[in-house]
C-alpha atoms as a PDB file:
ATOM      1  CA  MET A   1     100.984  93.566  68.302  1.00  0.00           C
ATOM      2  CA  ILE A   2     100.372  92.462  71.766  1.00  0.00           C
ATOM      3  CA  GLU A   3      97.242  90.079  72.275  1.00  0.00           C
ATOM      4  CA  GLU A   4      95.717  88.403  75.379  1.00  0.00           C
ATOM      5  CA  GLU A   5      93.555  85.296  75.397  1.00  0.00           C
ATOM      6  CA  VAL A   6      90.044  86.094  76.357  1.00  0.00           C
ATOM      7  CA  GLY A   7      87.447  83.023  76.457  1.00  0.00           C
ATOM      8  CA  GLY A   8      89.641  80.933  74.098  1.00  0.00           C
ATOM      9  CA  LYS A   9      89.977  84.001  71.762  1.00  0.00           C
ATOM     10  CA  MET A  10      93.018  86.269  71.071  1.00  0.00           C
ATOM     11  CA  GLU A  11      91.843  89.696  71.932  1.00  0.00           C
ATOM     12  CA  SER A  12      93.962  92.570  70.464  1.00  0.00           C
ATOM     13  CA  PHE A  13      95.778  94.577  73.130  1.00  0.00           C
ATOM     14  CA  ALA A  14      95.269  97.716  71.009  1.00  0.00           C
ATOM     15  CA  ALA A  15      91.361  97.260  71.945  1.00  0.00           C
ATOM     16  CA  ASN A  16      92.334  97.757  75.646  1.00  0.00           C
ATOM     17  CA  ARG A  17      94.764 100.699  75.272  1.00  0.00           C
ATOM     18  CA  SER A  18      95.511 102.338  78.686  1.00  0.00           C
ATOM     19  CA  ASP A  19      95.242 105.820  76.788  1.00  0.00           C
ATOM     20  CA  ALA A  20      91.687 105.185  75.322  1.00  0.00           C
ATOM     21  CA  PRO A  21      88.950 107.166  76.428  1.00  0.00           C
ATOM     22  CA  SER A  22      87.265 106.479  79.743  1.00  0.00           C
ATOM     23  CA  ARG A  23      84.413 103.977  79.647  1.00  0.00           C
ATOM     24  CA  CYS A  24      83.137 105.202  83.068  1.00  0.00           C
ATOM     25  CA  THR A  25      79.275 104.717  83.425  1.00  0.00           C
ATOM     26  CA  TYR A  26      79.148 106.439  86.803  1.00  0.00           C
ATOM     27  CA  ILE A  27      75.844 108.294  87.484  1.00  0.00           C
ATOM     28  CA  LEU A  28      75.946 111.464  89.419  1.00  0.00           C
ATOM     29  CA  HIS A  29      74.139 111.068  92.819  1.00  0.00           C
ATOM     30  CA  GLY A  30      73.937 107.404  92.308  1.00  0.00           C
ATOM     31  CA  ASP A  31      74.647 104.699  94.958  1.00  0.00           C
ATOM     32  CA  GLN A  32      77.913 105.592  96.596  1.00  0.00           C
ATOM     33  CA  THR A  33      80.712 102.929  97.129  1.00  0.00           C
ATOM     34  CA  LYS A  34      81.838 102.288 100.705  1.00  0.00           C
ATOM     35  CA  CYS A  35      85.311 103.507 100.708  1.00  0.00           C
ATOM     36  CA  LEU A  36      87.845 104.953 103.171  1.00  0.00           C
ATOM     37  CA  ASP A  37      85.954 107.671 104.977  1.00  0.00           C
ATOM     38  CA  HIS A  38      88.550 108.784 107.597  1.00  0.00           C
ATOM     39  CA  LEU A  39      90.005 112.468 107.180  1.00  0.00           C
ATOM     40  CA  THR A  40      92.992 114.271 108.175  1.00  0.00           C
ATOM     41  CA  PHE A  41      93.406 117.973 107.617  1.00  0.00           C
ATOM     42  CA  GLU A  42      96.212 120.166 108.638  1.00  0.00           C
ATOM     43  CA  GLN A  43      96.275 123.914 108.602  1.00  0.00           C
ATOM     44  CA  LYS A  44      99.537 125.521 107.392  1.00  0.00           C
ATOM     45  CA  SER A  45     100.876 127.916 110.078  1.00  0.00           C
ATOM     46  CA  HIS A  46     103.122 129.900 107.481  1.00  0.00           C
ATOM     47  CA  ARG A  47     100.122 131.463 105.654  1.00  0.00           C
ATOM     48  CA  GLN A  48     100.126 134.792 107.663  1.00  0.00           C
ATOM     49  CA  ASP A  49     103.948 135.061 107.111  1.00  0.00           C
ATOM     50  CA  ALA A  50     103.287 134.806 103.212  1.00  0.00           C
ATOM     51  CA  GLY A  51     100.622 137.575 103.564  1.00  0.00           C
ATOM     52  CA  ILE A  52      97.639 134.986 102.771  1.00  0.00           C
ATOM     53  CA  GLN A  53      94.638 135.908 104.526  1.00  0.00           C
ATOM     54  CA  CYS A  54      92.556 132.922 104.051  1.00  0.00           C
ATOM     55  CA  ASN A  55      92.432 129.418 105.618  1.00  0.00           C
ATOM     56  CA  VAL A  56      94.803 126.825 103.822  1.00  0.00           C
ATOM     57  CA  LEU A  57      94.025 123.257 104.382  1.00  0.00           C
ATOM     58  CA  THR A  58      96.157 120.217 103.385  1.00  0.00           C
ATOM     59  CA  LYS A  59      94.653 116.736 103.077  1.00  0.00           C
ATOM     60  CA  LEU A  60      97.328 114.066 104.221  1.00  0.00           C
ATOM     61  CA  GLU A  61      96.671 110.915 102.373  1.00  0.00           C
ATOM     62  CA  TYR A  62      99.780 109.442 103.815  1.00  0.00           C
ATOM     63  CA  MET A  63      97.903 108.638 106.856  1.00  0.00           C
ATOM     64  CA  ASP A  64      95.836 106.127 104.749  1.00  0.00           C
ATOM     65  CA  PRO A  65      96.514 102.549 105.883  1.00  0.00           C
ATOM     66  CA  GLY A  66      98.682 101.845 102.980  1.00  0.00           C
ATOM     67  CA  GLY A  67     100.306 105.241 103.073  1.00  0.00           C
ATOM     68  CA  SER A  68      98.882 106.982 100.019  1.00  0.00           C
ATOM     69  CA  ILE A  69      95.795 107.965  98.353  1.00  0.00           C
ATOM     70  CA  LYS A  70      95.874 104.898  96.153  1.00  0.00           C
ATOM     71  CA  ASP A  71      94.279 102.731  99.037  1.00  0.00           C
ATOM     72  CA  ARG A  72      91.003 104.458  97.961  1.00  0.00           C
ATOM     73  CA  ILE A  73      91.030 103.238  94.525  1.00  0.00           C
ATOM     74  CA  GLY A  74      92.319  99.760  95.570  1.00  0.00           C
ATOM     75  CA  LEU A  75      89.461  99.114  97.806  1.00  0.00           C
ATOM     76  CA  CYS A  76      86.826 100.466  95.479  1.00  0.00           C
ATOM     77  CA  MET A  77      87.903  98.686  92.586  1.00  0.00           C
ATOM     78  CA  ILE A  78      88.032  95.397  94.405  1.00  0.00           C
ATOM     79  CA  GLU A  79      84.625  95.992  96.028  1.00  0.00           C
ATOM     80  CA  GLN A  80      83.165  96.691  92.633  1.00  0.00           C
ATOM     81  CA  ALA A  81      84.758  93.346  91.059  1.00  0.00           C
ATOM     82  CA  GLU A  82      83.389  91.413  93.919  1.00  0.00           C
ATOM     83  CA  ARG A  83      79.977  92.986  93.594  1.00  0.00           C
ATOM     84  CA  ASN A  84      79.716  92.317  89.798  1.00  0.00           C
ATOM     85  CA  GLY A  85      80.871  88.693  90.427  1.00  0.00           C
ATOM     86  CA  SER A  86      84.039  88.793  88.481  1.00  0.00           C
ATOM     87  CA  LEU A  87      86.426  88.560  91.410  1.00  0.00           C
ATOM     88  CA  LYS A  88      85.903  85.563  93.711  1.00  0.00           C
ATOM     89  CA  SER A  89      87.898  83.978  96.467  1.00  0.00           C
ATOM     90  CA  ASN A  90      91.151  82.597  95.725  1.00  0.00           C
ATOM     91  CA  ASP A  91      91.227  84.564  92.546  1.00  0.00           C
ATOM     92  CA  THR A  92      94.503  86.379  91.449  1.00  0.00           C
ATOM     93  CA  ILE A  93      94.643  90.229  90.959  1.00  0.00           C
ATOM     94  CA  ILE A  94      97.302  91.605  88.496  1.00  0.00           C
ATOM     95  CA  GLU A  95      98.031  95.229  88.249  1.00  0.00           C
ATOM     96  CA  SER A  96     100.545  97.434  86.561  1.00  0.00           C
ATOM     97  CA  THR A  97     101.822  99.754  89.150  1.00  0.00           C
ATOM     98  CA  ALA A  98     104.904 102.164  90.285  1.00  0.00           C
ATOM     99  CA  GLY A  99     104.105 100.865  93.748  1.00  0.00           C
ATOM    100  CA  ASN A 100     101.385 102.724  95.704  1.00  0.00           C
ATOM    101  CA  THR A 101      98.463 101.288  93.898  1.00  0.00           C
ATOM    102  CA  GLY A 102     100.031  97.823  94.376  1.00  0.00           C
ATOM    103  CA  VAL A 103     100.422  98.385  98.113  1.00  0.00           C
ATOM    104  CA  GLY A 104      96.843  99.560  98.368  1.00  0.00           C
ATOM    105  CA  LEU A 105      95.629  96.524  96.555  1.00  0.00           C
ATOM    106  CA  VAL A 106      97.635  94.215  98.532  1.00  0.00           C
ATOM    107  CA  SER A 107      96.565  95.926 101.903  1.00  0.00           C
ATOM    108  CA  VAL A 108      93.114  95.473 100.804  1.00  0.00           C
ATOM    109  CA  CYS A 109      93.554  91.861  99.930  1.00  0.00           C
ATOM    110  CA  ALA A 110      95.643  90.687 102.663  1.00  0.00           C
ATOM    111  CA  ILE A 111      94.026  92.858 105.410  1.00  0.00           C
ATOM    112  CA  ASP A 112      96.648  91.026 107.577  1.00  0.00           C
ATOM    113  CA  VAL A 113     105.682  96.199 101.698  1.00  0.00           C
ATOM    114  CA  PRO A 114     103.975  94.214  98.697  1.00  0.00           C
ATOM    115  CA  ARG A 115     106.380  91.338  98.757  1.00  0.00           C
ATOM    116  CA  ALA A 116     105.963  91.168 102.514  1.00  0.00           C
ATOM    117  CA  LEU A 117     102.325  90.987 102.224  1.00  0.00           C
ATOM    118  CA  GLY A 118     102.510  88.040  99.838  1.00  0.00           C
ATOM    119  CA  ALA A 119     102.438  89.776  96.399  1.00  0.00           C
ATOM    120  CA  GLU A 120     104.761  88.605  93.411  1.00  0.00           C
ATOM    121  CA  ILE A 121     106.635  91.355  91.916  1.00  0.00           C
ATOM    122  CA  VAL A 122     107.636  91.393  88.307  1.00  0.00           C
ATOM    123  CA  ARG A 123     109.986  94.202  87.365  1.00  0.00           C
ATOM    124  CA  THR A 124     109.665  95.856  83.891  1.00  0.00           C
ATOM    125  CA  PRO A 125     111.688  98.737  82.319  1.00  0.00           C
ATOM    126  CA  THR A 126     110.186 102.097  83.290  1.00  0.00           C
ATOM    127  CA  ILE A 127     110.971 103.676  79.856  1.00  0.00           C
ATOM    128  CA  ALA A 128     109.099 100.944  77.811  1.00  0.00           C
ATOM    129  CA  PRO A 129     106.076 102.377  76.020  1.00  0.00           C
ATOM    130  CA  PHE A 130     102.788 100.889  76.855  1.00  0.00           C
ATOM    131  CA  ASP A 131     102.417  98.814  73.765  1.00  0.00           C
ATOM    132  CA  LEU A 132     105.567  97.205  73.662  1.00  0.00           C
ATOM    133  CA  HIS A 133     106.063  93.704  74.528  1.00  0.00           C
ATOM    134  CA  GLU A 134     108.314  94.290  77.670  1.00  0.00           C
ATOM    135  CA  SER A 135     106.140  97.162  79.034  1.00  0.00           C
ATOM    136  CA  ASP A 136     104.461  96.760  82.486  1.00  0.00           C
ATOM    137  CA  ILE A 137     100.885  96.772  80.785  1.00  0.00           C
ATOM    138  CA  ALA A 138     101.963  94.073  78.290  1.00  0.00           C
ATOM    139  CA  VAL A 139     103.663  91.959  81.029  1.00  0.00           C
ATOM    140  CA  ALA A 140     100.307  92.207  83.068  1.00  0.00           C
ATOM    141  CA  HIS A 141      98.305  91.032  80.257  1.00  0.00           C
ATOM    142  CA  ARG A 142     100.575  88.039  79.472  1.00  0.00           C
ATOM    143  CA  SER A 143     100.547  87.190  83.154  1.00  0.00           C
ATOM    144  CA  LYS A 144      96.732  87.257  83.065  1.00  0.00           C
ATOM    145  CA  SER A 145      96.763  84.596  80.112  1.00  0.00           C
ATOM    146  CA  ASN A 146      99.061  82.449  82.028  1.00  0.00           C
ATOM    147  CA  ILE A 147      97.418  82.596  85.340  1.00  0.00           C
ATOM    148  CA  PRO A 148      94.113  80.836  86.045  1.00  0.00           C
ATOM    149  CA  ASN A 149      91.250  82.904  87.504  1.00  0.00           C
ATOM    150  CA  SER A 150      93.430  86.095  87.400  1.00  0.00           C
ATOM    151  CA  HIS A 151      92.022  89.802  86.811  1.00  0.00           C
ATOM    152  CA  ILE A 152      93.772  92.962  85.884  1.00  0.00           C
ATOM    153  CA  LEU A 153      91.773  95.658  87.520  1.00  0.00           C
ATOM    154  CA  ASP A 154      93.479  98.413  85.342  1.00  0.00           C
ATOM    155  CA  GLN A 155      93.915 101.422  87.406  1.00  0.00           C
ATOM    156  CA  TYR A 156      94.379 103.455  84.410  1.00  0.00           C
ATOM    157  CA  ARG A 157      90.943 102.772  82.835  1.00  0.00           C
ATOM    158  CA  HIS A 158      88.847 101.664  85.696  1.00  0.00           C
ATOM    159  CA  SER A 159      85.715 103.711  86.296  1.00  0.00           C
ATOM    160  CA  TYR A 160      85.868 103.170  90.127  1.00  0.00           C
ATOM    161  CA  ASN A 161      89.449 104.813  90.156  1.00  0.00           C
ATOM    162  CA  SER A 162      87.642 108.009  89.699  1.00  0.00           C
ATOM    163  CA  ILE A 163      84.493 107.270  91.582  1.00  0.00           C
ATOM    164  CA  ALA A 164      86.546 106.602  94.609  1.00  0.00           C
ATOM    165  CA  HIS A 165      87.524 110.045  94.765  1.00  0.00           C
ATOM    166  CA  TYR A 166      84.280 111.688  93.794  1.00  0.00           C
ATOM    167  CA  ASP A 167      82.362 109.716  96.577  1.00  0.00           C
ATOM    168  CA  THR A 168      85.055 109.936  99.204  1.00  0.00           C
ATOM    169  CA  THR A 169      87.961 112.243  98.832  1.00  0.00           C
ATOM    170  CA  ALA A 170      86.000 115.277  97.566  1.00  0.00           C
ATOM    171  CA  GLU A 171      83.072 114.639  99.909  1.00  0.00           C
ATOM    172  CA  GLU A 172      85.407 114.440 102.860  1.00  0.00           C
ATOM    173  CA  ILE A 173      86.902 117.703 101.849  1.00  0.00           C
ATOM    174  CA  PHE A 174      83.563 119.431 101.244  1.00  0.00           C
ATOM    175  CA  GLN A 175      82.134 118.181 104.753  1.00  0.00           C
ATOM    176  CA  ALA A 176      85.472 119.186 106.568  1.00  0.00           C
ATOM    177  CA  CYS A 177      85.229 122.606 105.328  1.00  0.00           C
ATOM    178  CA  ASN A 178      81.548 123.161 106.254  1.00  0.00           C
ATOM    179  CA  ARG A 179      80.800 123.116 102.435  1.00  0.00           C
ATOM    180  CA  GLN A 180      82.779 126.365 102.230  1.00  0.00           C
ATOM    181  CA  VAL A 181      85.283 125.815  99.673  1.00  0.00           C
ATOM    182  CA  ASP A 182      86.725 128.392  97.253  1.00  0.00           C
ATOM    183  CA  MET A 183      89.416 126.707  95.475  1.00  0.00           C
ATOM    184  CA  ILE A 184      91.128 123.458  95.404  1.00  0.00           C
ATOM    185  CA  VAL A 185      94.697 122.579  94.312  1.00  0.00           C
ATOM    186  CA  VAL A 186      95.286 118.758  93.428  1.00  0.00           C
ATOM    187  CA  ARG A 187      98.166 117.121  92.063  1.00  0.00           C
ATOM    188  CA  ALA A 188      96.667 115.004  89.400  1.00  0.00           C
ATOM    189  CA  GLY A 189      98.367 111.821  88.369  1.00  0.00           C
ATOM    190  CA  ILE A 190      97.020 108.472  87.165  1.00  0.00           C
ATOM    191  CA  CYS A 191      94.568 108.100  89.891  1.00  0.00           C
ATOM    192  CA  ASN A 192      91.771 110.293  88.331  1.00  0.00           C
ATOM    193  CA  LEU A 193      91.915 112.875  90.670  1.00  0.00           C
ATOM    194  CA  GLU A 194      90.438 115.117  88.028  1.00  0.00           C
ATOM    195  CA  MET A 195      87.174 113.885  89.304  1.00  0.00           C
ATOM    196  CA  TYR A 196      87.485 116.623  91.758  1.00  0.00           C
ATOM    197  CA  ASN A 197      86.816 119.237  89.012  1.00  0.00           C
ATOM    198  CA  GLU A 198      83.611 117.638  88.327  1.00  0.00           C
ATOM    199  CA  TYR A 199      82.591 117.605  91.953  1.00  0.00           C
ATOM    200  CA  TRP A 200      83.209 121.269  92.686  1.00  0.00           C
END
């Protein structure tokens, strides 16, 4: 069993499983976070050729500063950690990531890929289950135990991962379409884009 030291005590990693139910405490229509607010839409030119008689729009998140939709969650998670006082100047942020979330976090922190911006990269086996000693999540928790003033933002369970899209991505789409949206198709991954469904 993987354990991490928290306040001088060893906390079971099982209590912080990445597949545990969300602990999101977001309140609908509550205060919105200040996340990325730019928007790039592109109308597909081939829709008529396919016999489609409606407008089809594509939101291009690769236009974000870090090159992906993960910039939004990086900014929102960091801002929330600063607001609640858990993240302070010169603290270390640790995150398990395949790349895009890491780039988003580093971009927000540096404002100045990951390694070029000053991040330390620790490689882990991609096939290791999350609860094994060598998994990316386990390595992140061990790193947190060894690095003073470090924080795991935990994109997999962080409530502001979803809120970033509820407050910004969905709202941008809604406003850009003059609030006339019949259907939305989203590739949902680990960045909680399912919040779109609640929004619509």
